[in-house]
C-alpha atoms as a PDB file:
ATOM      1  CA  MET A   1      38.786  58.298 -24.583  1.00  0.00           C
ATOM      2  CA  ARG A   2      37.519  54.928 -25.745  1.00  0.00           C
ATOM      3  CA  ILE A   3      38.069  51.894 -23.498  1.00  0.00           C
ATOM      4  CA  ARG A   4      40.009  49.976 -26.158  1.00  0.00           C
ATOM      5  CA  THR A   5      42.340  52.959 -26.468  1.00  0.00           C
ATOM      6  CA  LEU A   6      42.784  52.998 -22.690  1.00  0.00           C
ATOM      7  CA  ALA A   7      43.745  49.337 -22.732  1.00  0.00           C
ATOM      8  CA  VAL A   8      46.299  49.808 -25.469  1.00  0.00           C
ATOM      9  CA  VAL A   9      47.748  52.929 -23.884  1.00  0.00           C
ATOM     10  CA  ALA A  10      47.866  51.435 -20.396  1.00  0.00           C
ATOM     11  CA  VAL A  11      49.432  48.145 -21.328  1.00  0.00           C
ATOM     12  CA  ALA A  12      51.482  48.817 -24.423  1.00  0.00           C
ATOM     13  CA  SER A  13      52.803  52.344 -24.272  1.00  0.00           C
ATOM     14  CA  ALA A  14      52.378  54.172 -20.983  1.00  0.00           C
ATOM     15  CA  LEU A  15      54.758  51.958 -19.104  1.00  0.00           C
ATOM     16  CA  PRO A  16      58.460  52.627 -19.621  1.00  0.00           C
ATOM     17  CA  PHE A  17      60.882  51.202 -22.141  1.00  0.00           C
ATOM     18  CA  GLY A  18      64.665  51.434 -21.941  1.00  0.00           C
ATOM     19  CA  LEU A  19      65.187  53.292 -18.678  1.00  0.00           C
ATOM     20  CA  THR A  20      68.605  53.534 -17.087  1.00  0.00           C
ATOM     21  CA  ALA A  21      70.138  55.060 -13.962  1.00  0.00           C
ATOM     22  CA  CYS A  22      68.273  56.003 -10.785  1.00  0.00           C
ATOM     23  CA  GLY A  23      69.258  57.571  -7.484  1.00  0.00           C
ATOM     24  CA  GLY A  24      69.014  56.103  -3.966  1.00  0.00           C
ATOM     25  CA  PRO A  25      68.509  52.458  -3.042  1.00  0.00           C
ATOM     26  CA  GLY A  26      64.707  52.617  -2.668  1.00  0.00           C
ATOM     27  CA  VAL A  27      64.315  54.482  -5.927  1.00  0.00           C
ATOM     28  CA  GLU A  28      66.796  52.143  -7.612  1.00  0.00           C
ATOM     29  CA  ASP A  29      64.654  49.119  -6.714  1.00  0.00           C
ATOM     30  CA  PHE A  30      61.582  50.860  -8.082  1.00  0.00           C
ATOM     31  CA  CYS A  31      63.413  51.822 -11.279  1.00  0.00           C
ATOM     32  CA  GLU A  32      64.654  48.285 -11.863  1.00  0.00           C
ATOM     33  CA  GLN A  33      61.107  46.992 -11.587  1.00  0.00           C
ATOM     34  CA  TYR A  34      59.729  49.859 -13.668  1.00  0.00           C
ATOM     35  CA  GLU A  35      62.187  48.920 -16.413  1.00  0.00           C
ATOM     36  CA  ALA A  36      61.275  45.229 -16.134  1.00  0.00           C
ATOM     37  CA  ILE A  37      57.658  46.079 -16.914  1.00  0.00           C
ATOM     38  CA  GLY A  38      58.783  47.777 -20.097  1.00  0.00           C
ATOM     39  CA  ARG A  39      60.549  44.581 -21.165  1.00  0.00           C
ATOM     40  CA  ALA A  40      57.610  42.291 -20.341  1.00  0.00           C
ATOM     41  CA  GLU A  41      55.736  40.636 -23.169  1.00  0.00           C
ATOM     42  CA  VAL A  42      52.407  42.457 -23.515  1.00  0.00           C
ATOM     43  CA  SER A  43      50.762  39.176 -24.514  1.00  0.00           C
ATOM     44  CA  ASP A  44      51.901  37.420 -21.307  1.00  0.00           C
ATOM     45  CA  GLY A  45      49.313  38.517 -18.747  1.00  0.00           C
ATOM     46  CA  ALA A  46      50.789  36.415 -15.962  1.00  0.00           C
ATOM     47  CA  GLU A  47      54.236  37.964 -16.468  1.00  0.00           C
ATOM     48  CA  ILE A  48      52.867  41.503 -16.484  1.00  0.00           C
ATOM     49  CA  ARG A  49      50.715  40.847 -13.426  1.00  0.00           C
ATOM     50  CA  ASN A  50      53.763  39.444 -11.600  1.00  0.00           C
ATOM     51  CA  GLU A  51      55.870  42.457 -12.612  1.00  0.00           C
ATOM     52  CA  LEU A  52      53.119  44.831 -11.413  1.00  0.00           C
ATOM     53  CA  GLU A  53      52.948  43.033  -8.055  1.00  0.00           C
ATOM     54  CA  GLU A  54      56.706  43.363  -7.683  1.00  0.00           C
ATOM     55  CA  LEU A  55      56.477  47.046  -8.637  1.00  0.00           C
ATOM     56  CA  ALA A  56      53.898  47.619  -5.888  1.00  0.00           C
ATOM     57  CA  ASP A  57      56.326  46.035  -3.420  1.00  0.00           C
ATOM     58  CA  SER A  58      59.213  48.261  -4.561  1.00  0.00           C
ATOM     59  CA  VAL A  59      57.639  51.736  -4.268  1.00  0.00           C
ATOM     60  CA  PRO A  60      59.938  53.837  -2.059  1.00  0.00           C
ATOM     61  CA  ASP A  61      58.408  55.336   1.087  1.00  0.00           C
ATOM     62  CA  ASP A  62      59.251  58.846  -0.077  1.00  0.00           C
ATOM     63  CA  ALA A  63      57.337  58.332  -3.356  1.00  0.00           C
ATOM     64  CA  GLY A  64      54.108  59.228  -1.577  1.00  0.00           C
ATOM     65  CA  GLY A  65      50.750  57.592  -1.042  1.00  0.00           C
ATOM     66  CA  ASP A  66      49.446  58.330  -4.540  1.00  0.00           C
ATOM     67  CA  VAL A  67      52.235  56.326  -6.173  1.00  0.00           C
ATOM     68  CA  GLN A  68      51.758  53.426  -3.754  1.00  0.00           C
ATOM     69  CA  GLN A  69      47.981  53.421  -4.252  1.00  0.00           C
ATOM     70  CA  ALA A  70      48.420  53.478  -8.030  1.00  0.00           C
ATOM     71  CA  ALA A  71      50.888  50.592  -7.939  1.00  0.00           C
ATOM     72  CA  ASP A  72      48.605  48.594  -5.642  1.00  0.00           C
ATOM     73  CA  LEU A  73      45.624  49.205  -7.931  1.00  0.00           C
ATOM     74  CA  LEU A  74      47.562  48.010 -10.964  1.00  0.00           C
ATOM     75  CA  ALA A  75      48.815  44.923  -9.148  1.00  0.00           C
ATOM     76  CA  ASP A  76      45.397  44.048  -7.730  1.00  0.00           C
ATOM     77  CA  ASP A  77      43.167  44.808 -10.712  1.00  0.00           C
ATOM     78  CA  PHE A  78      45.194  43.819 -13.759  1.00  0.00           C
ATOM     79  CA  PRO A  79      43.243  41.019 -15.497  1.00  0.00           C
ATOM     80  CA  GLU A  80      44.610  37.521 -14.924  1.00  0.00           C
ATOM     81  CA  ASP A  81      44.947  36.879 -18.653  1.00  0.00           C
ATOM     82  CA  GLY A  82      46.455  40.302 -19.352  1.00  0.00           C
ATOM     83  CA  ASP A  83      43.693  41.312 -21.758  1.00  0.00           C
ATOM     84  CA  LEU A  84      42.202  44.512 -20.352  1.00  0.00           C
ATOM     85  CA  ALA A  85      40.226  45.178 -23.540  1.00  0.00           C
ATOM     86  CA  ARG A  86      38.554  41.747 -23.301  1.00  0.00           C
ATOM     87  CA  ALA A  87      37.853  42.284 -19.604  1.00  0.00           C
ATOM     88  CA  VAL A  88      36.138  45.591 -20.383  1.00  0.00           C
ATOM     89  CA  GLU A  89      34.167  44.158 -23.297  1.00  0.00           C
ATOM     90  CA  SER A  90      32.998  41.187 -21.215  1.00  0.00           C
ATOM     91  CA  GLY A  91      31.993  43.406 -18.312  1.00  0.00           C
ATOM     92  CA  ASP A  92      34.577  41.959 -15.912  1.00  0.00           C
ATOM     93  CA  VAL A  93      36.099  45.450 -15.725  1.00  0.00           C
ATOM     94  CA  GLY A  94      33.811  48.466 -15.892  1.00  0.00           C
ATOM     95  CA  GLU A  95      34.532  51.743 -17.624  1.00  0.00           C
ATOM     96  CA  GLU A  96      35.155  53.470 -14.297  1.00  0.00           C
ATOM     97  CA  GLU A  97      37.693  50.809 -13.307  1.00  0.00           C
ATOM     98  CA  ALA A  98      39.381  51.124 -16.695  1.00  0.00           C
ATOM     99  CA  ASN A  99      39.630  54.880 -16.186  1.00  0.00           C
ATOM    100  CA  GLU A 100      41.109  54.321 -12.704  1.00  0.00           C
ATOM    101  CA  PHE A 101      43.587  51.889 -14.240  1.00  0.00           C
ATOM    102  CA  ALA A 102      44.611  54.476 -16.853  1.00  0.00           C
ATOM    103  CA  ALA A 103      45.028  57.153 -14.148  1.00  0.00           C
ATOM    104  CA  ALA A 104      47.158  54.762 -12.088  1.00  0.00           C
ATOM    105  CA  VAL A 105      49.369  54.096 -15.104  1.00  0.00           C
ATOM    106  CA  GLU A 106      49.820  57.852 -15.547  1.00  0.00           C
ATOM    107  CA  THR A 107      50.769  58.256 -11.872  1.00  0.00           C
ATOM    108  CA  ILE A 108      53.343  55.464 -12.035  1.00  0.00           C
ATOM    109  CA  ALA A 109      54.726  56.628 -15.383  1.00  0.00           C
ATOM    110  CA  SER A 110      55.029  60.199 -14.109  1.00  0.00           C
ATOM    111  CA  TYR A 111      56.932  59.106 -11.000  1.00  0.00           C
ATOM    112  CA  GLY A 112      59.086  56.733 -13.036  1.00  0.00           C
ATOM    113  CA  ASP A 113      59.869  59.354 -15.673  1.00  0.00           C
ATOM    114  CA  GLU A 114      60.852  61.886 -13.001  1.00  0.00           C
ATOM    115  CA  ASN A 115      63.018  59.477 -10.998  1.00  0.00           C
ATOM    116  CA  CYS A 116      64.287  56.847 -13.414  1.00  0.00           C
ATOM    117  CA  GLY A 117      65.225  58.940 -16.424  1.00  0.00           C
ATOM    118  CA  SER A 118      68.260  58.284 -18.511  1.00  0.00           C
END
């Protein structure tokens, strides 16, 4: 998969849009934040980075270490300006990091889809 495609998939489409009810208080907090990411403006890197940091703080304990690690990676490594494609092209983010980012998005989306579905 090309890096530009990874950036588009990771930022624009792999995160959720329009989620509703969740179960349990810990999961509910996660789901609220998961939904907020879907509403964030893709062009506002600071907003997305903030939402990702809040998501990392709202992962329920029973979600497992993989989900927490994925959320932490997204919160820590998302480019300040929100432009992952530019960061890859400039060399600020390497191909391996971009692949890790895409895998983290898949992990979060999978957990969110399983636990925050409508």
